[in-house]
Amino acid sequence: MGVPLDLINKLLPFSKKFNLLVLTHLVIPSFVKSKVNSSKKSIKSKISKTQHLNIINQIEDFVFKMNPPNLISEWGDYNNEDYF
């Protein structure tokens, strides 16, 4: 299953949507899907297993390269503190 495209687009920061990988694999397909759903037309396309796996690998690479923002919290140094 996975996370729905419309939810991903709602959660992505606006600036991240202009990344070429995100734009081509998440934003544009979500836009097309919403247009197809609103016009009640179905578009059928087939991609090979290799193409599908390439898309997944590209998205995984992008996600693993993302750096979460540094947020200061009382739990931030949890693993670095010695309690013994």
PDB file of N, CA and C in Angstrom:
ATOM      1  N   MET A   1       0.822  -1.173   0.000  1.00  0.00           N
ATOM      2  CA  MET A   1       0.000   0.000   0.000  1.00  0.00           C
ATOM      3  C   MET A   1       0.874   1.247   0.000  1.00  0.00           C
ATOM      4  N   GLY A   2       1.151   1.808   1.132  1.00  0.00           N
ATOM      5  CA  GLY A   2       2.001   2.981   1.175  1.00  0.00           C
ATOM      6  C   GLY A   2       1.246   4.223   1.594  1.00  0.00           C
ATOM      7  N   VAL A   3       1.929   5.334   1.542  1.00  0.00           N
ATOM      8  CA  VAL A   3       1.351   6.617   1.922  1.00  0.00           C
ATOM      9  C   VAL A   3       0.716   7.248   0.686  1.00  0.00           C
ATOM     10  N   PRO A   4      -0.530   7.708   0.766  1.00  0.00           N
ATOM     11  CA  PRO A   4      -1.185   8.311  -0.390  1.00  0.00           C
ATOM     12  C   PRO A   4      -0.449   9.566  -0.868  1.00  0.00           C
ATOM     13  N   LEU A   5      -0.437   9.758  -2.186  1.00  0.00           N
ATOM     14  CA  LEU A   5       0.269  10.897  -2.775  1.00  0.00           C
ATOM     15  C   LEU A   5      -0.257  12.236  -2.258  1.00  0.00           C
ATOM     16  N   ASP A   6      -1.564  12.355  -2.104  1.00  0.00           N
ATOM     17  CA  ASP A   6      -2.104  13.634  -1.651  1.00  0.00           C
ATOM     18  C   ASP A   6      -1.642  13.962  -0.229  1.00  0.00           C
ATOM     19  N   LEU A   7      -1.494  12.940   0.612  1.00  0.00           N
ATOM     20  CA  LEU A   7      -0.999  13.165   1.970  1.00  0.00           C
ATOM     21  C   LEU A   7       0.476  13.572   1.950  1.00  0.00           C
ATOM     22  N   ILE A   8       1.267  12.901   1.114  1.00  0.00           N
ATOM     23  CA  ILE A   8       2.682  13.258   0.999  1.00  0.00           C
ATOM     24  C   ILE A   8       2.823  14.711   0.575  1.00  0.00           C
ATOM     25  N   ASN A   9       2.039  15.140  -0.403  1.00  0.00           N
ATOM     26  CA  ASN A   9       2.138  16.519  -0.877  1.00  0.00           C
ATOM     27  C   ASN A   9       1.704  17.525   0.176  1.00  0.00           C
ATOM     28  N   LYS A  10       0.772  17.149   1.023  1.00  0.00           N
ATOM     29  CA  LYS A  10       0.366  18.047   2.104  1.00  0.00           C
ATOM     30  C   LYS A  10       1.464  18.175   3.158  1.00  0.00           C
ATOM     31  N   LEU A  11       2.193  17.082   3.393  1.00  0.00           N
ATOM     32  CA  LEU A  11       3.214  17.073   4.441  1.00  0.00           C
ATOM     33  C   LEU A  11       4.556  17.651   3.991  1.00  0.00           C
ATOM     34  N   LEU A  12       4.821  17.641   2.687  1.00  0.00           N
ATOM     35  CA  LEU A  12       6.105  18.153   2.185  1.00  0.00           C
ATOM     36  C   LEU A  12       6.177  19.669   2.315  1.00  0.00           C
ATOM     37  N   PRO A  13       7.286  20.195   2.781  1.00  0.00           N
ATOM     38  CA  PRO A  13       7.458  21.650   2.787  1.00  0.00           C
ATOM     39  C   PRO A  13       7.467  22.164   1.349  1.00  0.00           C
ATOM     40  N   PHE A  14       6.985  23.368   1.156  1.00  0.00           N
ATOM     41  CA  PHE A  14       6.863  23.955  -0.180  1.00  0.00           C
ATOM     42  C   PHE A  14       8.197  23.959  -0.913  1.00  0.00           C
ATOM     43  N   SER A  15       9.267  24.298  -0.225  1.00  0.00           N
ATOM     44  CA  SER A  15      10.575  24.396  -0.876  1.00  0.00           C
ATOM     45  C   SER A  15      11.076  23.040  -1.374  1.00  0.00           C
ATOM     46  N   LYS A  16      10.706  21.958  -0.715  1.00  0.00           N
ATOM     47  CA  LYS A  16      11.154  20.621  -1.125  1.00  0.00           C
ATOM     48  C   LYS A  16      10.456  20.146  -2.393  1.00  0.00           C
ATOM     49  N   LYS A  17       9.296  20.719  -2.705  1.00  0.00           N
ATOM     50  CA  LYS A  17       8.545  20.290  -3.878  1.00  0.00           C
ATOM     51  C   LYS A  17       9.232  20.665  -5.185  1.00  0.00           C
ATOM     52  N   PHE A  18      10.230  21.543  -5.146  1.00  0.00           N
ATOM     53  CA  PHE A  18      10.923  21.957  -6.357  1.00  0.00           C
ATOM     54  C   PHE A  18      12.154  21.107  -6.645  1.00  0.00           C
ATOM     55  N   ASN A  19      12.452  20.167  -5.778  1.00  0.00           N
ATOM     56  CA  ASN A  19      13.525  19.217  -6.050  1.00  0.00           C
ATOM     57  C   ASN A  19      13.075  18.362  -7.233  1.00  0.00           C
ATOM     58  N   LEU A  20      13.963  18.150  -8.203  1.00  0.00           N
ATOM     59  CA  LEU A  20      13.590  17.455  -9.430  1.00  0.00           C
ATOM     60  C   LEU A  20      13.029  16.069  -9.159  1.00  0.00           C
ATOM     61  N   LEU A  21      13.641  15.328  -8.264  1.00  0.00           N
ATOM     62  CA  LEU A  21      13.168  13.981  -7.945  1.00  0.00           C
ATOM     63  C   LEU A  21      11.775  14.023  -7.319  1.00  0.00           C
ATOM     64  N   VAL A  22      11.581  14.896  -6.362  1.00  0.00           N
ATOM     65  CA  VAL A  22      10.289  15.009  -5.687  1.00  0.00           C
ATOM     66  C   VAL A  22       9.227  15.491  -6.672  1.00  0.00           C
ATOM     67  N   LEU A  23       9.584  16.458  -7.484  1.00  0.00           N
ATOM     68  CA  LEU A  23       8.643  17.009  -8.458  1.00  0.00           C
ATOM     69  C   LEU A  23       8.183  15.940  -9.445  1.00  0.00           C
ATOM     70  N   THR A  24       9.128  15.168  -9.980  1.00  0.00           N
ATOM     71  CA  THR A  24       8.772  14.201 -11.015  1.00  0.00           C
ATOM     72  C   THR A  24       8.105  12.938 -10.476  1.00  0.00           C
ATOM     73  N   HIS A  25       8.405  12.552  -9.246  1.00  0.00           N
ATOM     74  CA  HIS A  25       7.864  11.297  -8.734  1.00  0.00           C
ATOM     75  C   HIS A  25       6.729  11.467  -7.735  1.00  0.00           C
ATOM     76  N   LEU A  26       6.559  12.644  -7.169  1.00  0.00           N
ATOM     77  CA  LEU A  26       5.524  12.824  -6.155  1.00  0.00           C
ATOM     78  C   LEU A  26       4.533  13.936  -6.496  1.00  0.00           C
ATOM     79  N   VAL A  27       5.037  15.115  -6.810  1.00  0.00           N
ATOM     80  CA  VAL A  27       4.158  16.270  -7.002  1.00  0.00           C
ATOM     81  C   VAL A  27       3.350  16.152  -8.294  1.00  0.00           C
ATOM     82  N   ILE A  28       4.031  15.924  -9.410  1.00  0.00           N
ATOM     83  CA  ILE A  28       3.326  15.849 -10.696  1.00  0.00           C
ATOM     84  C   ILE A  28       2.356  14.663 -10.740  1.00  0.00           C
ATOM     85  N   PRO A  29       2.767  13.458 -10.317  1.00  0.00           N
ATOM     86  CA  PRO A  29       1.782  12.360 -10.315  1.00  0.00           C
ATOM     87  C   PRO A  29       0.567  12.643  -9.433  1.00  0.00           C
ATOM     88  N   SER A  30       0.774  13.300  -8.307  1.00  0.00           N
ATOM     89  CA  SER A  30      -0.352  13.648  -7.446  1.00  0.00           C
ATOM     90  C   SER A  30      -1.284  14.637  -8.141  1.00  0.00           C
ATOM     91  N   PHE A  31      -0.695  15.604  -8.819  1.00  0.00           N
ATOM     92  CA  PHE A  31      -1.485  16.595  -9.551  1.00  0.00           C
ATOM     93  C   PHE A  31      -2.294  15.911 -10.657  1.00  0.00           C
ATOM     94  N   VAL A  32      -1.646  15.038 -11.410  1.00  0.00           N
ATOM     95  CA  VAL A  32      -2.325  14.331 -12.499  1.00  0.00           C
ATOM     96  C   VAL A  32      -3.435  13.442 -11.932  1.00  0.00           C
ATOM     97  N   LYS A  33      -3.146  12.754 -10.841  1.00  0.00           N
ATOM     98  CA  LYS A  33      -4.145  11.880 -10.225  1.00  0.00           C
ATOM     99  C   LYS A  33      -5.372  12.667  -9.782  1.00  0.00           C
ATOM    100  N   SER A  34      -5.153  13.839  -9.203  1.00  0.00           N
ATOM    101  CA  SER A  34      -6.293  14.650  -8.760  1.00  0.00           C
ATOM    102  C   SER A  34      -7.105  15.147  -9.950  1.00  0.00           C
ATOM    103  N   LYS A  35      -6.425  15.484 -11.056  1.00  0.00           N
ATOM    104  CA  LYS A  35      -7.143  15.927 -12.256  1.00  0.00           C
ATOM    105  C   LYS A  35      -7.932  14.791 -12.881  1.00  0.00           C
ATOM    106  N   VAL A  36      -7.344  13.593 -12.905  1.00  0.00           N
ATOM    107  CA  VAL A  36      -8.027  12.432 -13.475  1.00  0.00           C
ATOM    108  C   VAL A  36      -9.240  12.076 -12.627  1.00  0.00           C
ATOM    109  N   ASN A  37      -9.068  12.104 -11.302  1.00  0.00           N
ATOM    110  CA  ASN A  37     -10.192  11.793 -10.419  1.00  0.00           C
ATOM    111  C   ASN A  37     -11.314  12.804 -10.554  1.00  0.00           C
ATOM    112  N   SER A  38     -10.963  14.065 -10.767  1.00  0.00           N
ATOM    113  CA  SER A  38     -11.995  15.085 -10.874  1.00  0.00           C
ATOM    114  C   SER A  38     -12.713  15.028 -12.221  1.00  0.00           C
ATOM    115  N   SER A  39     -12.039  14.530 -13.258  1.00  0.00           N
ATOM    116  CA  SER A  39     -12.674  14.460 -14.569  1.00  0.00           C
ATOM    117  C   SER A  39     -13.281  13.078 -14.845  1.00  0.00           C
ATOM    118  N   LYS A  40     -13.129  12.150 -13.879  1.00  0.00           N
ATOM    119  CA  LYS A  40     -13.702  10.802 -13.975  1.00  0.00           C
ATOM    120  C   LYS A  40     -13.160  10.001 -15.151  1.00  0.00           C
ATOM    121  N   LYS A  41     -11.989  10.336 -15.646  1.00  0.00           N
ATOM    122  CA  LYS A  41     -11.359   9.568 -16.711  1.00  0.00           C
ATOM    123  C   LYS A  41     -10.301   8.676 -16.081  1.00  0.00           C
ATOM    124  N   SER A  42     -10.038   7.572 -16.722  1.00  0.00           N
ATOM    125  CA  SER A  42      -8.971   6.711 -16.216  1.00  0.00           C
ATOM    126  C   SER A  42      -7.845   6.667 -17.237  1.00  0.00           C
ATOM    127  N   ILE A  43      -6.658   6.770 -16.728  1.00  0.00           N
ATOM    128  CA  ILE A  43      -5.471   6.679 -17.567  1.00  0.00           C
ATOM    129  C   ILE A  43      -4.741   5.409 -17.161  1.00  0.00           C
ATOM    130  N   LYS A  44      -4.528   4.542 -18.112  1.00  0.00           N
ATOM    131  CA  LYS A  44      -3.820   3.304 -17.807  1.00  0.00           C
ATOM    132  C   LYS A  44      -2.452   3.358 -18.469  1.00  0.00           C
ATOM    133  N   SER A  45      -1.454   3.140 -17.660  1.00  0.00           N
ATOM    134  CA  SER A  45      -0.103   3.076 -18.195  1.00  0.00           C
ATOM    135  C   SER A  45       0.610   1.928 -17.510  1.00  0.00           C
ATOM    136  N   LYS A  46       1.519   1.328 -18.248  1.00  0.00           N
ATOM    137  CA  LYS A  46       2.263   0.219 -17.690  1.00  0.00           C
ATOM    138  C   LYS A  46       3.741   0.565 -17.715  1.00  0.00           C
ATOM    139  N   ILE A  47       4.401   0.251 -16.618  1.00  0.00           N
ATOM    140  CA  ILE A  47       5.852   0.404 -16.581  1.00  0.00           C
ATOM    141  C   ILE A  47       6.433  -0.949 -16.214  1.00  0.00           C
ATOM    142  N   SER A  48       7.644  -1.145 -16.624  1.00  0.00           N
ATOM    143  CA  SER A  48       8.290  -2.435 -16.352  1.00  0.00           C
ATOM    144  C   SER A  48       8.679  -2.521 -14.874  1.00  0.00           C
ATOM    145  N   LYS A  49       8.977  -3.727 -14.464  1.00  0.00           N
ATOM    146  CA  LYS A  49       9.414  -3.939 -13.085  1.00  0.00           C
ATOM    147  C   LYS A  49      10.710  -3.182 -12.822  1.00  0.00           C
ATOM    148  N   THR A  50      11.612  -3.172 -13.806  1.00  0.00           N
ATOM    149  CA  THR A  50      12.878  -2.449 -13.656  1.00  0.00           C
ATOM    150  C   THR A  50      12.645  -0.959 -13.475  1.00  0.00           C
ATOM    151  N   GLN A  51      11.746  -0.379 -14.266  1.00  0.00           N
ATOM    152  CA  GLN A  51      11.435   1.044 -14.133  1.00  0.00           C
ATOM    153  C   GLN A  51      10.836   1.334 -12.765  1.00  0.00           C
ATOM    154  N   HIS A  52       9.960   0.459 -12.324  1.00  0.00           N
ATOM    155  CA  HIS A  52       9.330   0.638 -11.016  1.00  0.00           C
ATOM    156  C   HIS A  52      10.377   0.597  -9.906  1.00  0.00           C
ATOM    157  N   LEU A  53      11.286  -0.371  -9.977  1.00  0.00           N
ATOM    158  CA  LEU A  53      12.341  -0.484  -8.964  1.00  0.00           C
ATOM    159  C   LEU A  53      13.292   0.709  -9.010  1.00  0.00           C
ATOM    160  N   ASN A  54      13.570   1.239 -10.195  1.00  0.00           N
ATOM    161  CA  ASN A  54      14.414   2.429 -10.315  1.00  0.00           C
ATOM    162  C   ASN A  54      13.777   3.631  -9.633  1.00  0.00           C
ATOM    163  N   ILE A  55      12.479   3.788  -9.804  1.00  0.00           N
ATOM    164  CA  ILE A  55      11.767   4.892  -9.154  1.00  0.00           C
ATOM    165  C   ILE A  55      11.854   4.746  -7.633  1.00  0.00           C
ATOM    166  N   ILE A  56      11.622   3.543  -7.149  1.00  0.00           N
ATOM    167  CA  ILE A  56      11.693   3.301  -5.703  1.00  0.00           C
ATOM    168  C   ILE A  56      13.101   3.582  -5.185  1.00  0.00           C
ATOM    169  N   ASN A  57      14.123   3.132  -5.898  1.00  0.00           N
ATOM    170  CA  ASN A  57      15.503   3.378  -5.474  1.00  0.00           C
ATOM    171  C   ASN A  57      15.830   4.862  -5.449  1.00  0.00           C
ATOM    172  N   GLN A  58      15.367   5.611  -6.442  1.00  0.00           N
ATOM    173  CA  GLN A  58      15.621   7.050  -6.464  1.00  0.00           C
ATOM    174  C   GLN A  58      14.962   7.744  -5.279  1.00  0.00           C
ATOM    175  N   ILE A  59      13.741   7.358  -4.975  1.00  0.00           N
ATOM    176  CA  ILE A  59      13.035   7.977  -3.847  1.00  0.00           C
ATOM    177  C   ILE A  59      13.704   7.588  -2.527  1.00  0.00           C
ATOM    178  N   GLU A  60      14.103   6.332  -2.384  1.00  0.00           N
ATOM    179  CA  GLU A  60      14.803   5.913  -1.171  1.00  0.00           C
ATOM    180  C   GLU A  60      16.100   6.699  -0.988  1.00  0.00           C
ATOM    181  N   ASP A  61      16.872   6.839  -2.058  1.00  0.00           N
ATOM    182  CA  ASP A  61      18.120   7.606  -1.987  1.00  0.00           C
ATOM    183  C   ASP A  61      17.852   9.034  -1.541  1.00  0.00           C
ATOM    184  N   PHE A  62      16.804   9.644  -2.080  1.00  0.00           N
ATOM    185  CA  PHE A  62      16.464  11.012  -1.715  1.00  0.00           C
ATOM    186  C   PHE A  62      16.109  11.110  -0.235  1.00  0.00           C
ATOM    187  N   VAL A  63      15.298  10.182   0.244  1.00  0.00           N
ATOM    188  CA  VAL A  63      14.854  10.220   1.639  1.00  0.00           C
ATOM    189  C   VAL A  63      16.033  10.007   2.580  1.00  0.00           C
ATOM    190  N   PHE A  64      16.931   9.066   2.261  1.00  0.00           N
ATOM    191  CA  PHE A  64      18.078   8.807   3.130  1.00  0.00           C
ATOM    192  C   PHE A  64      19.055   9.972   3.165  1.00  0.00           C
ATOM    193  N   LYS A  65      19.074  10.790   2.128  1.00  0.00           N
ATOM    194  CA  LYS A  65      19.978  11.939   2.088  1.00  0.00           C
ATOM    195  C   LYS A  65      19.393  13.160   2.796  1.00  0.00           C
ATOM    196  N   MET A  66      18.121  13.112   3.137  1.00  0.00           N
ATOM    197  CA  MET A  66      17.484  14.251   3.812  1.00  0.00           C
ATOM    198  C   MET A  66      18.025  14.371   5.228  1.00  0.00           C
ATOM    199  N   ASN A  67      18.208  15.587   5.674  1.00  0.00           N
ATOM    200  CA  ASN A  67      18.655  15.847   7.039  1.00  0.00           C
ATOM    201  C   ASN A  67      17.520  16.508   7.807  1.00  0.00           C
ATOM    202  N   PRO A  68      17.078  15.889   8.893  1.00  0.00           N
ATOM    203  CA  PRO A  68      16.020  16.531   9.675  1.00  0.00           C
ATOM    204  C   PRO A  68      16.567  17.787  10.351  1.00  0.00           C
ATOM    205  N   PRO A  69      15.708  18.763  10.584  1.00  0.00           N
ATOM    206  CA  PRO A  69      16.179  19.982  11.243  1.00  0.00           C
ATOM    207  C   PRO A  69      16.619  19.677  12.677  1.00  0.00           C
ATOM    208  N   ASN A  70      17.582  20.430  13.143  1.00  0.00           N
ATOM    209  CA  ASN A  70      18.053  20.265  14.522  1.00  0.00           C
ATOM    210  C   ASN A  70      17.117  21.006  15.453  1.00  0.00           C
ATOM    211  N   LEU A  71      16.356  20.253  16.192  1.00  0.00           N
ATOM    212  CA  LEU A  71      15.427  20.847  17.149  1.00  0.00           C
ATOM    213  C   LEU A  71      15.974  20.623  18.550  1.00  0.00           C
ATOM    214  N   ILE A  72      15.978  21.667  19.324  1.00  0.00           N
ATOM    215  CA  ILE A  72      16.479  21.575  20.686  1.00  0.00           C
ATOM    216  C   ILE A  72      15.325  21.127  21.584  1.00  0.00           C
ATOM    217  N   SER A  73      15.575  20.033  22.300  1.00  0.00           N
ATOM    218  CA  SER A  73      14.570  19.545  23.238  1.00  0.00           C
ATOM    219  C   SER A  73      15.295  18.913  24.417  1.00  0.00           C
ATOM    220  N   GLU A  74      14.555  18.632  25.463  1.00  0.00           N
ATOM    221  CA  GLU A  74      15.171  18.014  26.631  1.00  0.00           C
ATOM    222  C   GLU A  74      15.575  16.571  26.349  1.00  0.00           C
ATOM    223  N   TRP A  75      15.087  15.985  25.270  1.00  0.00           N
ATOM    224  CA  TRP A  75      15.450  14.621  24.893  1.00  0.00           C
ATOM    225  C   TRP A  75      16.603  14.593  23.896  1.00  0.00           C
ATOM    226  N   GLY A  76      17.064  15.732  23.442  1.00  0.00           N
ATOM    227  CA  GLY A  76      18.093  15.808  22.421  1.00  0.00           C
ATOM    228  C   GLY A  76      19.385  15.101  22.758  1.00  0.00           C
ATOM    229  N   ASP A  77      19.804  15.139  24.034  1.00  0.00           N
ATOM    230  CA  ASP A  77      21.055  14.504  24.453  1.00  0.00           C
ATOM    231  C   ASP A  77      20.824  13.205  25.212  1.00  0.00           C
ATOM    232  N   TYR A  78      19.688  12.612  25.002  1.00  0.00           N
ATOM    233  CA  TYR A  78      19.320  11.421  25.774  1.00  0.00           C
ATOM    234  C   TYR A  78      20.373  10.321  25.665  1.00  0.00           C
ATOM    235  N   ASN A  79      20.843  10.031  24.464  1.00  0.00           N
ATOM    236  CA  ASN A  79      21.819   8.945  24.285  1.00  0.00           C
ATOM    237  C   ASN A  79      23.226   9.355  24.696  1.00  0.00           C
ATOM    238  N   ASN A  80      23.493  10.622  24.835  1.00  0.00           N
ATOM    239  CA  ASN A  80      24.839  11.091  25.151  1.00  0.00           C
ATOM    240  C   ASN A  80      25.101  11.234  26.653  1.00  0.00           C
ATOM    241  N   GLU A  81      24.066  11.196  27.456  1.00  0.00           N
ATOM    242  CA  GLU A  81      24.227  11.411  28.888  1.00  0.00           C
ATOM    243  C   GLU A  81      24.561  10.101  29.603  1.00  0.00           C
ATOM    244  N   ASP A  82      25.425  10.205  30.587  1.00  0.00           N
ATOM    245  CA  ASP A  82      25.762   9.050  31.429  1.00  0.00           C
ATOM    246  C   ASP A  82      24.936   9.116  32.701  1.00  0.00           C
ATOM    247  N   TYR A  83      24.191   8.071  32.947  1.00  0.00           N
ATOM    248  CA  TYR A  83      23.385   8.025  34.164  1.00  0.00           C
ATOM    249  C   TYR A  83      23.952   7.066  35.181  1.00  0.00           C
ATOM    250  N   PHE A  84      25.060   6.449  34.876  1.00  0.00           N
ATOM    251  CA  PHE A  84      25.627   5.443  35.782  1.00  0.00           C
ATOM    252  C   PHE A  84      26.785   6.006  36.548  1.00  0.00           C
TER     253      PHE A  84
END
